[in-house]
Amino acid sequence: MRSIDELDERLSRPRPALVEDLARLDGDLVVVGASGKLGVSLVRLAVRGIEAAGTGARVFAVSRYTGAGSREAMAATGAEVVAADVTDDEALAGLPDAANVVYLVGAKFGTQGNQAGTWETNVYLPGRVARRYKGARISALSTGNVYPLVEVGSGGATEEVEPGPIGEYAMSCLGRERILEAVSRRDGTAMALIRLNYAVEMRYGVLLDLAQTIEAGEPVDVTMGSLNLVWQGYANEVTLRALLHAAAPPLVLNLTGPETLGVRRLAGDLSAALGKPVSFTGVEAPTALLSNAQRCHALFGYPDVTVPELVEATAAWVRAGLPTLGKPTKFQRRDGKF
């Protein structure tokens, strides 16, 4: 994964298990919020997987497409592009019908100072979309931020842990889940709520944040001393495959890698791969935002790209000066203010 083309191909390469599951889905697929940092690679994976499955299902990629070239980039995936502002009632009603929906809309960065807008996006809108697609299967992206900070040695919060969101972003994400659950229970709409943290690829994620900090000669803050991460391609695959496991009331699923990873150790590995010295600030806290994804791994197997592979690929990307999305994760924040 040493070029954009190579990375995009790897992110969208369907594994046999995904192809088998897509072959079992009836009907078309709508991806709502398709032009975000995760959406394009997920749409491309869905298109390639459905082509391999031979079902003839269509993939509709719904977004506003306000960025330069974003519509053209999505069209190149082979999906049918639908430019629509789903906050508008008429536009929402006019979306294509489909038996399967992946819901990716969410607001995180810029929450601080725009709390009301964040709640409108993360809570009010999902319920409206779910009512529009009453009776469909819906796989909706959520976040591990709905959990409280847990002891580092605990193995991470399981799906049975009582949510304890910190900050308005995390609270609004729990609100999204509660609204979707209410619609699911009332209408019988089958859903899967995907609590993801942290997805990484070479252009985005906690490894890139750490690598760029080291490359800039700045100290790495280890106060949030542990984390989980997972290859973005696996996250895309699970989000699609979860459609077959959608239920009413919803299936709740943690999505991340199997390891609890130390930030200090990751920074050291990236330092060695970059050939740059690393320094640290802060002291590791006894708690961190951690999720236990055993349920996910039991259903879908383990991620197919390992942490050492991701470290090496991220370091090579940074060394080469290749493009990034310019969206720091702010994983270091312990107050939930994004």
C-alpha atoms as a PDB file:
ATOM      1  CA  MET A   1       0.000   0.000   0.000  1.00  0.00           C
ATOM      2  CA  ARG A   2       2.544   2.518  -1.244  1.00  0.00           C
ATOM      3  CA  SER A   3       0.283   4.594  -3.534  1.00  0.00           C
ATOM      4  CA  ILE A   4      -3.286   5.899  -3.560  1.00  0.00           C
ATOM      5  CA  ASP A   5      -4.291   3.443  -6.283  1.00  0.00           C
ATOM      6  CA  GLU A   6      -2.770   0.508  -4.401  1.00  0.00           C
ATOM      7  CA  LEU A   7      -4.435   1.582  -1.148  1.00  0.00           C
ATOM      8  CA  ASP A   8      -7.840   2.051  -2.781  1.00  0.00           C
ATOM      9  CA  GLU A   9      -7.597  -1.361  -4.441  1.00  0.00           C
ATOM     10  CA  ARG A  10      -6.689  -3.056  -1.175  1.00  0.00           C
ATOM     11  CA  LEU A  11      -9.473  -1.319   0.748  1.00  0.00           C
ATOM     12  CA  SER A  12     -12.062  -2.477  -1.774  1.00  0.00           C
ATOM     13  CA  ARG A  13     -10.867  -6.026  -2.386  1.00  0.00           C
ATOM     14  CA  PRO A  14     -13.744  -8.332  -1.326  1.00  0.00           C
ATOM     15  CA  ARG A  15     -12.847 -11.441   0.639  1.00  0.00           C
ATOM     16  CA  PRO A  16     -14.744 -14.681  -0.131  1.00  0.00           C
ATOM     17  CA  ALA A  17     -16.848 -14.516   3.052  1.00  0.00           C
ATOM     18  CA  LEU A  18     -18.135 -11.063   2.085  1.00  0.00           C
ATOM     19  CA  VAL A  19     -19.009 -12.245  -1.418  1.00  0.00           C
ATOM     20  CA  GLU A  20     -20.889 -15.212   0.041  1.00  0.00           C
ATOM     21  CA  ASP A  21     -22.873 -12.970   2.385  1.00  0.00           C
ATOM     22  CA  LEU A  22     -23.693 -10.442  -0.328  1.00  0.00           C
ATOM     23  CA  ALA A  23     -24.983 -13.295  -2.470  1.00  0.00           C
ATOM     24  CA  ARG A  24     -27.497 -14.053   0.298  1.00  0.00           C
ATOM     25  CA  LEU A  25     -28.877 -10.502   0.405  1.00  0.00           C
ATOM     26  CA  ASP A  26     -32.022  -9.795  -1.549  1.00  0.00           C
ATOM     27  CA  GLY A  27     -32.570  -6.408  -3.148  1.00  0.00           C
ATOM     28  CA  ASP A  28     -30.552  -3.269  -3.763  1.00  0.00           C
ATOM     29  CA  LEU A  29     -28.265  -1.388  -1.368  1.00  0.00           C
ATOM     30  CA  VAL A  30     -28.435   2.295  -0.433  1.00  0.00           C
ATOM     31  CA  VAL A  31     -25.460   3.892   1.332  1.00  0.00           C
ATOM     32  CA  VAL A  32     -26.542   7.121   3.048  1.00  0.00           C
ATOM     33  CA  GLY A  33     -23.684   9.506   3.795  1.00  0.00           C
ATOM     34  CA  ALA A  34     -21.513   7.896   1.160  1.00  0.00           C
ATOM     35  CA  SER A  35     -18.951  10.633   0.550  1.00  0.00           C
ATOM     36  CA  GLY A  36     -17.413  10.748   4.021  1.00  0.00           C
ATOM     37  CA  LYS A  37     -13.950   9.498   4.938  1.00  0.00           C
ATOM     38  CA  LEU A  38     -15.246   5.926   5.174  1.00  0.00           C
ATOM     39  CA  GLY A  39     -17.969   5.950   2.546  1.00  0.00           C
ATOM     40  CA  VAL A  40     -16.109   5.863  -0.762  1.00  0.00           C
ATOM     41  CA  SER A  41     -14.065   2.792   0.144  1.00  0.00           C
ATOM     42  CA  LEU A  42     -17.136   1.029   1.552  1.00  0.00           C
ATOM     43  CA  VAL A  43     -19.161   1.763  -1.591  1.00  0.00           C
ATOM     44  CA  ARG A  44     -16.348   0.523  -3.825  1.00  0.00           C
ATOM     45  CA  LEU A  45     -16.093  -2.658  -1.730  1.00  0.00           C
ATOM     46  CA  ALA A  46     -19.853  -3.195  -1.952  1.00  0.00           C
ATOM     47  CA  VAL A  47     -19.847  -2.743  -5.740  1.00  0.00           C
ATOM     48  CA  ARG A  48     -16.948  -5.152  -6.231  1.00  0.00           C
ATOM     49  CA  GLY A  49     -18.435  -7.676  -3.804  1.00  0.00           C
ATOM     50  CA  ILE A  50     -21.859  -7.627  -5.457  1.00  0.00           C
ATOM     51  CA  GLU A  51     -20.267  -7.989  -8.897  1.00  0.00           C
ATOM     52  CA  ALA A  52     -18.390 -11.052  -7.628  1.00  0.00           C
ATOM     53  CA  ALA A  53     -21.581 -12.409  -6.069  1.00  0.00           C
ATOM     54  CA  GLY A  54     -23.408 -11.988  -9.381  1.00  0.00           C
ATOM     55  CA  THR A  55     -26.736 -10.906  -7.871  1.00  0.00           C
ATOM     56  CA  GLY A  56     -27.249  -7.897 -10.121  1.00  0.00           C
ATOM     57  CA  ALA A  57     -28.142  -5.728  -7.128  1.00  0.00           C
ATOM     58  CA  ARG A  58     -27.614  -1.997  -7.537  1.00  0.00           C
ATOM     59  CA  VAL A  59     -25.629   0.181  -5.131  1.00  0.00           C
ATOM     60  CA  PHE A  60     -26.902   3.724  -4.635  1.00  0.00           C
ATOM     61  CA  ALA A  61     -24.438   6.186  -3.080  1.00  0.00           C
ATOM     62  CA  VAL A  62     -26.312   9.054  -1.416  1.00  0.00           C
ATOM     63  CA  SER A  63     -24.614  12.276  -0.334  1.00  0.00           C
ATOM     64  CA  ARG A  64     -24.684  16.019  -0.934  1.00  0.00           C
ATOM     65  CA  TYR A  65     -21.389  15.874  -2.911  1.00  0.00           C
ATOM     66  CA  THR A  66     -20.386  19.444  -2.163  1.00  0.00           C
ATOM     67  CA  GLY A  67     -16.624  18.866  -2.484  1.00  0.00           C
ATOM     68  CA  ALA A  68     -14.832  19.404  -5.781  1.00  0.00           C
ATOM     69  CA  GLY A  69     -14.683  16.138  -7.719  1.00  0.00           C
ATOM     70  CA  SER A  70     -16.497  14.149  -5.032  1.00  0.00           C
ATOM     71  CA  ARG A  71     -19.364  13.142  -7.307  1.00  0.00           C
ATOM     72  CA  GLU A  72     -16.960  12.044 -10.042  1.00  0.00           C
ATOM     73  CA  ALA A  73     -14.894  10.031  -7.565  1.00  0.00           C
ATOM     74  CA  MET A  74     -17.997   8.216  -6.385  1.00  0.00           C
ATOM     75  CA  ALA A  75     -19.196   7.528  -9.939  1.00  0.00           C
ATOM     76  CA  ALA A  76     -15.841   5.883 -10.614  1.00  0.00           C
ATOM     77  CA  THR A  77     -16.677   3.213  -8.019  1.00  0.00           C
ATOM     78  CA  GLY A  78     -19.464   1.901 -10.252  1.00  0.00           C
ATOM     79  CA  ALA A  79     -22.244   2.932  -7.872  1.00  0.00           C
ATOM     80  CA  GLU A  80     -25.292   4.921  -8.949  1.00  0.00           C
ATOM     81  CA  VAL A  81     -24.697   8.416  -7.572  1.00  0.00           C
ATOM     82  CA  VAL A  82     -27.630  10.145  -5.866  1.00  0.00           C
ATOM     83  CA  ALA A  83     -26.961  13.776  -4.953  1.00  0.00           C
ATOM     84  CA  ALA A  84     -29.370  14.665  -2.166  1.00  0.00           C
ATOM     85  CA  ASP A  85     -29.507  16.600   1.078  1.00  0.00           C
ATOM     86  CA  VAL A  86     -31.269  14.065   3.289  1.00  0.00           C
ATOM     87  CA  THR A  87     -32.068  16.725   5.889  1.00  0.00           C
ATOM     88  CA  ASP A  88     -34.663  17.973   3.387  1.00  0.00           C
ATOM     89  CA  ASP A  89     -38.000  16.139   3.676  1.00  0.00           C
ATOM     90  CA  GLU A  90     -38.648  16.106  -0.066  1.00  0.00           C
ATOM     91  CA  ALA A  91     -35.138  14.865  -0.881  1.00  0.00           C
ATOM     92  CA  LEU A  92     -35.368  12.148   1.763  1.00  0.00           C
ATOM     93  CA  ALA A  93     -38.696  10.934   0.438  1.00  0.00           C
ATOM     94  CA  GLY A  94     -37.262  10.832  -3.077  1.00  0.00           C
ATOM     95  CA  LEU A  95     -34.374   8.501  -2.286  1.00  0.00           C
ATOM     96  CA  PRO A  96     -34.352   5.168  -4.132  1.00  0.00           C
ATOM     97  CA  ASP A  97     -36.166   2.284  -2.500  1.00  0.00           C
ATOM     98  CA  ALA A  98     -33.924  -0.533  -1.307  1.00  0.00           C
ATOM     99  CA  ALA A  99     -34.078  -3.613   0.884  1.00  0.00           C
ATOM    100  CA  ASN A 100     -30.669  -2.870   2.432  1.00  0.00           C
ATOM    101  CA  VAL A 101     -29.351   0.379   3.900  1.00  0.00           C
ATOM    102  CA  VAL A 102     -25.944   1.340   5.266  1.00  0.00           C
ATOM    103  CA  TYR A 103     -26.194   4.532   7.297  1.00  0.00           C
ATOM    104  CA  LEU A 104     -22.924   6.478   7.672  1.00  0.00           C
ATOM    105  CA  VAL A 105     -24.045  10.038   8.441  1.00  0.00           C
ATOM    106  CA  GLY A 106     -22.522  11.515  11.573  1.00  0.00           C
ATOM    107  CA  ALA A 107     -21.000  14.694  12.988  1.00  0.00           C
ATOM    108  CA  LYS A 108     -17.980  14.643  15.318  1.00  0.00           C
ATOM    109  CA  PHE A 109     -15.328  17.242  14.602  1.00  0.00           C
ATOM    110  CA  GLY A 110     -16.548  20.755  15.285  1.00  0.00           C
ATOM    111  CA  THR A 111     -19.032  19.551  17.888  1.00  0.00           C
ATOM    112  CA  GLN A 112     -17.646  21.961  20.470  1.00  0.00           C
ATOM    113  CA  GLY A 113     -19.416  25.247  19.763  1.00  0.00           C
ATOM    114  CA  ASN A 114     -22.019  23.579  17.526  1.00  0.00           C
ATOM    115  CA  GLN A 115     -23.672  21.211  19.951  1.00  0.00           C
ATOM    116  CA  ALA A 116     -27.177  21.819  18.618  1.00  0.00           C
ATOM    117  CA  GLY A 117     -26.155  21.035  15.047  1.00  0.00           C
ATOM    118  CA  THR A 118     -24.400  17.882  16.209  1.00  0.00           C
ATOM    119  CA  TRP A 119     -27.533  16.640  17.958  1.00  0.00           C
ATOM    120  CA  GLU A 120     -29.658  17.427  14.915  1.00  0.00           C
ATOM    121  CA  THR A 121     -27.336  15.388  12.684  1.00  0.00           C
ATOM    122  CA  ASN A 122     -26.653  12.533  15.069  1.00  0.00           C
ATOM    123  CA  VAL A 123     -30.086  12.082  16.676  1.00  0.00           C
ATOM    124  CA  TYR A 124     -32.913  13.708  14.736  1.00  0.00           C
ATOM    125  CA  LEU A 125     -31.847  12.711  11.226  1.00  0.00           C
ATOM    126  CA  PRO A 126     -31.263   8.950  11.811  1.00  0.00           C
ATOM    127  CA  GLY A 127     -34.817   8.455  13.023  1.00  0.00           C
ATOM    128  CA  ARG A 128     -36.198  10.131   9.915  1.00  0.00           C
ATOM    129  CA  VAL A 129     -34.049   7.985   7.626  1.00  0.00           C
ATOM    130  CA  ALA A 130     -35.080   4.841   9.507  1.00  0.00           C
ATOM    131  CA  ARG A 131     -38.746   5.719   9.044  1.00  0.00           C
ATOM    132  CA  ARG A 132     -38.107   6.315   5.316  1.00  0.00           C
ATOM    133  CA  TYR A 133     -36.668   2.813   5.063  1.00  0.00           C
ATOM    134  CA  LYS A 134     -39.203   1.078   7.279  1.00  0.00           C
ATOM    135  CA  GLY A 135     -38.925  -2.689   6.840  1.00  0.00           C
ATOM    136  CA  ALA A 136     -35.455  -2.628   5.273  1.00  0.00           C
ATOM    137  CA  ARG A 137     -32.291  -4.066   6.825  1.00  0.00           C
ATOM    138  CA  ILE A 138     -30.209  -1.209   8.220  1.00  0.00           C
ATOM    139  CA  SER A 139     -26.552  -1.306   9.272  1.00  0.00           C
ATOM    140  CA  ALA A 140     -25.893   1.972  11.075  1.00  0.00           C
ATOM    141  CA  LEU A 141     -22.498   3.276  12.125  1.00  0.00           C
ATOM    142  CA  SER A 142     -22.110   4.257  15.768  1.00  0.00           C
ATOM    143  CA  THR A 143     -19.005   4.614  17.927  1.00  0.00           C
ATOM    144  CA  GLY A 144     -17.222   3.126  20.913  1.00  0.00           C
ATOM    145  CA  ASN A 145     -17.355   6.631  22.423  1.00  0.00           C
ATOM    146  CA  VAL A 146     -20.739   5.702  23.891  1.00  0.00           C
ATOM    147  CA  TYR A 147     -18.847   3.695  26.540  1.00  0.00           C
ATOM    148  CA  PRO A 148     -17.236   5.107  29.669  1.00  0.00           C
ATOM    149  CA  LEU A 149     -13.486   4.980  30.122  1.00  0.00           C
ATOM    150  CA  VAL A 150     -12.593   1.531  31.493  1.00  0.00           C
ATOM    151  CA  GLU A 151      -9.603   0.026  33.272  1.00  0.00           C
ATOM    152  CA  VAL A 152      -6.744  -0.616  30.860  1.00  0.00           C
ATOM    153  CA  GLY A 153      -6.412  -4.243  31.956  1.00  0.00           C
ATOM    154  CA  SER A 154     -10.138  -4.974  31.617  1.00  0.00           C
ATOM    155  CA  GLY A 155     -10.015  -6.158  28.006  1.00  0.00           C
ATOM    156  CA  GLY A 156     -12.361  -3.351  26.986  1.00  0.00           C
ATOM    157  CA  ALA A 157     -16.078  -2.707  27.287  1.00  0.00           C
ATOM    158  CA  THR A 158     -18.316  -5.445  25.930  1.00  0.00           C
ATOM    159  CA  GLU A 159     -21.711  -4.737  24.424  1.00  0.00           C
ATOM    160  CA  GLU A 160     -23.237  -5.543  27.806  1.00  0.00           C
ATOM    161  CA  VAL A 161     -21.456  -2.642  29.542  1.00  0.00           C
ATOM    162  CA  GLU A 162     -23.833   0.194  30.406  1.00  0.00           C
ATOM    163  CA  PRO A 163     -23.124   3.208  28.170  1.00  0.00           C
ATOM    164  CA  GLY A 164     -21.482   6.167  29.863  1.00  0.00           C
ATOM    165  CA  PRO A 165     -20.785   8.746  27.153  1.00  0.00           C
ATOM    166  CA  ILE A 166     -18.397  11.590  27.957  1.00  0.00           C
ATOM    167  CA  GLY A 167     -19.123  14.897  26.239  1.00  0.00           C
ATOM    168  CA  GLU A 168     -21.871  16.031  23.901  1.00  0.00           C
ATOM    169  CA  TYR A 169     -20.574  14.200  20.822  1.00  0.00           C
ATOM    170  CA  ALA A 170     -20.673  10.852  22.604  1.00  0.00           C
ATOM    171  CA  MET A 171     -24.027  11.652  24.207  1.00  0.00           C
ATOM    172  CA  SER A 172     -25.497  12.492  20.799  1.00  0.00           C
ATOM    173  CA  CYS A 173     -24.191   9.181  19.432  1.00  0.00           C
ATOM    174  CA  LEU A 174     -25.956   7.305  22.207  1.00  0.00           C
ATOM    175  CA  GLY A 175     -29.022   9.371  21.324  1.00  0.00           C
ATOM    176  CA  ARG A 176     -28.715   8.136  17.732  1.00  0.00           C
ATOM    177  CA  GLU A 177     -28.697   4.543  18.970  1.00  0.00           C
ATOM    178  CA  ARG A 178     -31.706   5.114  21.238  1.00  0.00           C
ATOM    179  CA  ILE A 179     -33.748   6.707  18.440  1.00  0.00           C
ATOM    180  CA  LEU A 180     -32.878   3.916  16.011  1.00  0.00           C
ATOM    181  CA  GLU A 181     -33.760   1.296  18.614  1.00  0.00           C
ATOM    182  CA  ALA A 182     -37.123   2.990  19.226  1.00  0.00           C
ATOM    183  CA  VAL A 183     -37.916   2.951  15.496  1.00  0.00           C
ATOM    184  CA  SER A 184     -36.763  -0.656  15.225  1.00  0.00           C
ATOM    185  CA  ARG A 185     -38.991  -1.766  18.091  1.00  0.00           C
ATOM    186  CA  ARG A 186     -42.009   0.161  16.838  1.00  0.00           C
ATOM    187  CA  ASP A 187     -41.755  -0.662  13.143  1.00  0.00           C
ATOM    188  CA  GLY A 188     -40.005  -4.036  13.306  1.00  0.00           C
ATOM    189  CA  THR A 189     -37.163  -2.734  11.148  1.00  0.00           C
ATOM    190  CA  ALA A 190     -34.104  -4.979  11.446  1.00  0.00           C
ATOM    191  CA  MET A 191     -30.950  -3.068  12.400  1.00  0.00           C
ATOM    192  CA  ALA A 192     -27.326  -3.527  13.385  1.00  0.00           C
ATOM    193  CA  LEU A 193     -25.683  -0.744  15.408  1.00  0.00           C
ATOM    194  CA  ILE A 194     -21.934  -0.770  14.768  1.00  0.00           C
ATOM    195  CA  ARG A 195     -19.837   0.707  17.588  1.00  0.00           C
ATOM    196  CA  LEU A 196     -16.581   1.383  15.753  1.00  0.00           C
ATOM    197  CA  ASN A 197     -13.219   2.537  17.104  1.00  0.00           C
ATOM    198  CA  TYR A 198     -10.663   3.284  15.693  1.00  0.00           C
ATOM    199  CA  ALA A 199     -10.612   2.508  11.970  1.00  0.00           C
ATOM    200  CA  VAL A 200      -7.307   3.269  10.272  1.00  0.00           C
ATOM    201  CA  GLU A 201      -5.902   3.465   6.792  1.00  0.00           C
ATOM    202  CA  MET A 202      -2.823   5.269   5.559  1.00  0.00           C
ATOM    203  CA  ARG A 203      -4.591   8.621   5.029  1.00  0.00           C
ATOM    204  CA  TYR A 204      -6.446   8.757   8.328  1.00  0.00           C
ATOM    205  CA  GLY A 205      -6.467   7.356  11.847  1.00  0.00           C
ATOM    206  CA  VAL A 206      -4.571   7.139  15.109  1.00  0.00           C
ATOM    207  CA  LEU A 207      -1.443   5.637  13.522  1.00  0.00           C
ATOM    208  CA  LEU A 208      -1.235   8.543  11.105  1.00  0.00           C
ATOM    209  CA  ASP A 209      -1.758  10.991  13.981  1.00  0.00           C
ATOM    210  CA  LEU A 210       1.133   9.419  15.880  1.00  0.00           C
ATOM    211  CA  ALA A 211       3.381   9.189  12.831  1.00  0.00           C
ATOM    212  CA  GLN A 212       2.828  12.837  11.925  1.00  0.00           C
ATOM    213  CA  THR A 213       3.531  13.908  15.505  1.00  0.00           C
ATOM    214  CA  ILE A 214       6.827  12.011  15.474  1.00  0.00           C
ATOM    215  CA  GLU A 215       7.727  13.272  11.995  1.00  0.00           C
ATOM    216  CA  ALA A 216       7.159  16.850  13.190  1.00  0.00           C
ATOM    217  CA  GLY A 217       9.458  16.304  16.170  1.00  0.00           C
ATOM    218  CA  GLU A 218       6.666  16.909  18.662  1.00  0.00           C
ATOM    219  CA  PRO A 219       6.143  14.875  21.864  1.00  0.00           C
ATOM    220  CA  VAL A 220       3.515  12.143  21.914  1.00  0.00           C
ATOM    221  CA  ASP A 221       0.969  12.545  24.707  1.00  0.00           C
ATOM    222  CA  VAL A 222       0.513   9.196  26.462  1.00  0.00           C
ATOM    223  CA  THR A 223      -2.112  10.248  29.009  1.00  0.00           C
ATOM    224  CA  MET A 224      -4.689   8.263  27.033  1.00  0.00           C
ATOM    225  CA  GLY A 225      -2.215   5.440  27.159  1.00  0.00           C
ATOM    226  CA  SER A 226      -4.072   2.594  25.442  1.00  0.00           C
ATOM    227  CA  LEU A 227      -6.409   2.206  22.484  1.00  0.00           C
ATOM    228  CA  ASN A 228      -7.944  -0.180  19.972  1.00  0.00           C
ATOM    229  CA  LEU A 229      -7.659   0.143  16.225  1.00  0.00           C
ATOM    230  CA  VAL A 230      -8.702  -1.829  13.174  1.00  0.00           C
ATOM    231  CA  TRP A 231      -7.975  -1.857   9.438  1.00  0.00           C
ATOM    232  CA  GLN A 232     -10.540   0.212   7.554  1.00  0.00           C
ATOM    233  CA  GLY A 233     -11.096  -2.512   4.968  1.00  0.00           C
ATOM    234  CA  TYR A 234     -12.195  -4.926   7.696  1.00  0.00           C
ATOM    235  CA  ALA A 235     -14.471  -2.275   9.198  1.00  0.00           C
ATOM    236  CA  ASN A 236     -16.118  -1.784   5.797  1.00  0.00           C
ATOM    237  CA  GLU A 237     -16.546  -5.530   5.368  1.00  0.00           C
ATOM    238  CA  VAL A 238     -18.148  -6.022   8.776  1.00  0.00           C
ATOM    239  CA  THR A 239     -20.507  -3.080   8.262  1.00  0.00           C
ATOM    240  CA  LEU A 240     -21.774  -4.707   5.070  1.00  0.00           C
ATOM    241  CA  ARG A 241     -21.893  -8.261   6.391  1.00  0.00           C
ATOM    242  CA  ALA A 242     -23.780  -7.100   9.489  1.00  0.00           C
ATOM    243  CA  LEU A 243     -26.834  -6.549   7.272  1.00  0.00           C
ATOM    244  CA  LEU A 244     -27.487 -10.302   7.400  1.00  0.00           C
ATOM    245  CA  HIS A 245     -27.424 -10.186  11.204  1.00  0.00           C
ATOM    246  CA  ALA A 246     -29.690  -7.157  11.586  1.00  0.00           C
ATOM    247  CA  ALA A 247     -32.511  -7.713  14.061  1.00  0.00           C
ATOM    248  CA  ALA A 248     -35.404  -5.995  15.784  1.00  0.00           C
ATOM    249  CA  PRO A 249     -34.567  -4.849  18.424  1.00  0.00           C
ATOM    250  CA  PRO A 250     -31.150  -4.054  16.968  1.00  0.00           C
ATOM    251  CA  LEU A 251     -28.000  -6.130  17.139  1.00  0.00           C
ATOM    252  CA  VAL A 252     -25.315  -4.093  18.928  1.00  0.00           C
ATOM    253  CA  LEU A 253     -21.796  -4.860  17.768  1.00  0.00           C
ATOM    254  CA  ASN A 254     -18.403  -3.548  18.830  1.00  0.00           C
ATOM    255  CA  LEU A 255     -16.096  -3.251  15.830  1.00  0.00           C
ATOM    256  CA  THR A 256     -12.366  -2.950  16.436  1.00  0.00           C
ATOM    257  CA  GLY A 257      -9.206  -5.040  16.556  1.00  0.00           C
ATOM    258  CA  PRO A 258      -8.551  -7.789  19.110  1.00  0.00           C
ATOM    259  CA  GLU A 259      -5.642  -6.095  20.891  1.00  0.00           C
ATOM    260  CA  THR A 260      -5.388  -3.490  23.626  1.00  0.00           C
ATOM    261  CA  LEU A 261      -2.491  -1.439  22.278  1.00  0.00           C
ATOM    262  CA  GLY A 262      -0.180   0.801  24.268  1.00  0.00           C
ATOM    263  CA  VAL A 263       0.287   4.272  22.764  1.00  0.00           C
ATOM    264  CA  ARG A 264       3.904   4.389  23.967  1.00  0.00           C
ATOM    265  CA  ARG A 265       4.683   1.079  22.263  1.00  0.00           C
ATOM    266  CA  LEU A 266       2.931   2.091  19.033  1.00  0.00           C
ATOM    267  CA  ALA A 267       4.846   5.365  18.972  1.00  0.00           C
ATOM    268  CA  GLY A 268       8.102   3.478  19.504  1.00  0.00           C
ATOM    269  CA  ASP A 269       7.338   1.121  16.620  1.00  0.00           C
ATOM    270  CA  LEU A 270       6.433   4.053  14.353  1.00  0.00           C
ATOM    271  CA  SER A 271       9.591   5.882  15.430  1.00  0.00           C
ATOM    272  CA  ALA A 272      11.711   2.924  14.379  1.00  0.00           C
ATOM    273  CA  ALA A 273       9.859   2.591  11.058  1.00  0.00           C
ATOM    274  CA  LEU A 274      10.184   6.313  10.352  1.00  0.00           C
ATOM    275  CA  GLY A 275      13.808   6.495  11.416  1.00  0.00           C
ATOM    276  CA  LYS A 276      12.904   9.436  13.660  1.00  0.00           C
ATOM    277  CA  PRO A 277      13.369   9.845  17.430  1.00  0.00           C
ATOM    278  CA  VAL A 278      10.272  10.031  19.606  1.00  0.00           C
ATOM    279  CA  SER A 279       9.675  11.871  22.867  1.00  0.00           C
ATOM    280  CA  PHE A 280       6.732  11.665  25.234  1.00  0.00           C
ATOM    281  CA  THR A 281       4.679  13.876  27.479  1.00  0.00           C
ATOM    282  CA  GLY A 282       2.175  12.966  30.189  1.00  0.00           C
ATOM    283  CA  VAL A 283       1.718   9.841  32.270  1.00  0.00           C
ATOM    284  CA  GLU A 284      -0.510   6.925  31.288  1.00  0.00           C
ATOM    285  CA  ALA A 285      -3.897   7.097  33.025  1.00  0.00           C
ATOM    286  CA  PRO A 286      -5.284   3.866  34.505  1.00  0.00           C
ATOM    287  CA  THR A 287      -8.373   4.091  32.264  1.00  0.00           C
ATOM    288  CA  ALA A 288      -8.923   4.489  28.522  1.00  0.00           C
ATOM    289  CA  LEU A 289     -11.605   4.281  25.827  1.00  0.00           C
ATOM    290  CA  LEU A 290     -11.461   0.572  25.013  1.00  0.00           C
ATOM    291  CA  SER A 291     -13.858  -1.895  23.396  1.00  0.00           C
ATOM    292  CA  ASN A 292     -14.024  -5.676  23.423  1.00  0.00           C
ATOM    293  CA  ALA A 293     -14.925  -6.967  19.951  1.00  0.00           C
ATOM    294  CA  GLN A 294     -15.080 -10.714  20.642  1.00  0.00           C
ATOM    295  CA  ARG A 295     -18.677 -10.883  19.401  1.00  0.00           C
ATOM    296  CA  CYS A 296     -17.638  -9.299  16.103  1.00  0.00           C
ATOM    297  CA  HIS A 297     -14.669 -11.640  15.649  1.00  0.00           C
ATOM    298  CA  ALA A 298     -16.824 -14.680  16.416  1.00  0.00           C
ATOM    299  CA  LEU A 299     -19.250 -13.662  13.665  1.00  0.00           C
ATOM    300  CA  PHE A 300     -16.819 -12.388  11.031  1.00  0.00           C
ATOM    301  CA  GLY A 301     -13.323 -13.619  11.850  1.00  0.00           C
ATOM    302  CA  TYR A 302     -10.290 -11.491  12.613  1.00  0.00           C
ATOM    303  CA  PRO A 303      -8.997  -8.466  10.667  1.00  0.00           C
ATOM    304  CA  ASP A 304      -6.927  -9.486   7.656  1.00  0.00           C
ATOM    305  CA  VAL A 305      -4.314  -6.737   8.051  1.00  0.00           C
ATOM    306  CA  THR A 306      -2.235  -6.854  11.234  1.00  0.00           C
ATOM    307  CA  VAL A 307      -1.105  -3.982  13.424  1.00  0.00           C
ATOM    308  CA  PRO A 308       2.596  -4.410  12.452  1.00  0.00           C
ATOM    309  CA  GLU A 309       1.597  -4.269   8.773  1.00  0.00           C
ATOM    310  CA  LEU A 310      -0.419  -1.105   9.420  1.00  0.00           C
ATOM    311  CA  VAL A 311       2.470   0.493  11.300  1.00  0.00           C
ATOM    312  CA  GLU A 312       4.929  -0.205   8.469  1.00  0.00           C
ATOM    313  CA  ALA A 313       2.509   0.966   5.765  1.00  0.00           C
ATOM    314  CA  THR A 314       1.645   4.169   7.651  1.00  0.00           C
ATOM    315  CA  ALA A 315       5.314   5.004   8.224  1.00  0.00           C
ATOM    316  CA  ALA A 316       6.083   4.425   4.539  1.00  0.00           C
ATOM    317  CA  TRP A 317       3.157   6.666   3.573  1.00  0.00           C
ATOM    318  CA  VAL A 318       4.380   9.497   5.800  1.00  0.00           C
ATOM    319  CA  ARG A 319       7.996   9.109   4.660  1.00  0.00           C
ATOM    320  CA  ALA A 320       6.849   9.386   1.041  1.00  0.00           C
ATOM    321  CA  GLY A 321       4.807  12.515   1.752  1.00  0.00           C
ATOM    322  CA  LEU A 322       1.653  11.025   0.232  1.00  0.00           C
ATOM    323  CA  PRO A 323      -1.731  12.793   0.645  1.00  0.00           C
ATOM    324  CA  THR A 324      -3.787  12.512   3.840  1.00  0.00           C
ATOM    325  CA  LEU A 325      -7.335  13.547   4.713  1.00  0.00           C
ATOM    326  CA  GLY A 326      -6.188  16.206   7.185  1.00  0.00           C
ATOM    327  CA  LYS A 327      -8.610  15.037   9.881  1.00  0.00           C
ATOM    328  CA  PRO A 328      -6.881  14.259  13.207  1.00  0.00           C
ATOM    329  CA  THR A 329      -8.833  11.770  15.333  1.00  0.00           C
ATOM    330  CA  LYS A 330      -8.207  13.642  18.609  1.00  0.00           C
ATOM    331  CA  PHE A 331      -8.029  10.231  20.281  1.00  0.00           C
ATOM    332  CA  GLN A 332      -6.066  11.816  23.118  1.00  0.00           C
ATOM    333  CA  ARG A 333      -9.106  13.730  24.413  1.00  0.00           C
ATOM    334  CA  ARG A 334     -10.429  12.386  27.704  1.00  0.00           C
ATOM    335  CA  ASP A 335     -13.105  15.080  28.127  1.00  0.00           C
ATOM    336  CA  GLY A 336     -15.099  14.192  24.998  1.00  0.00           C
ATOM    337  CA  LYS A 337     -14.709  17.675  23.496  1.00  0.00           C
ATOM    338  CA  PHE A 338     -14.175  17.418  19.747  1.00  0.00           C
END
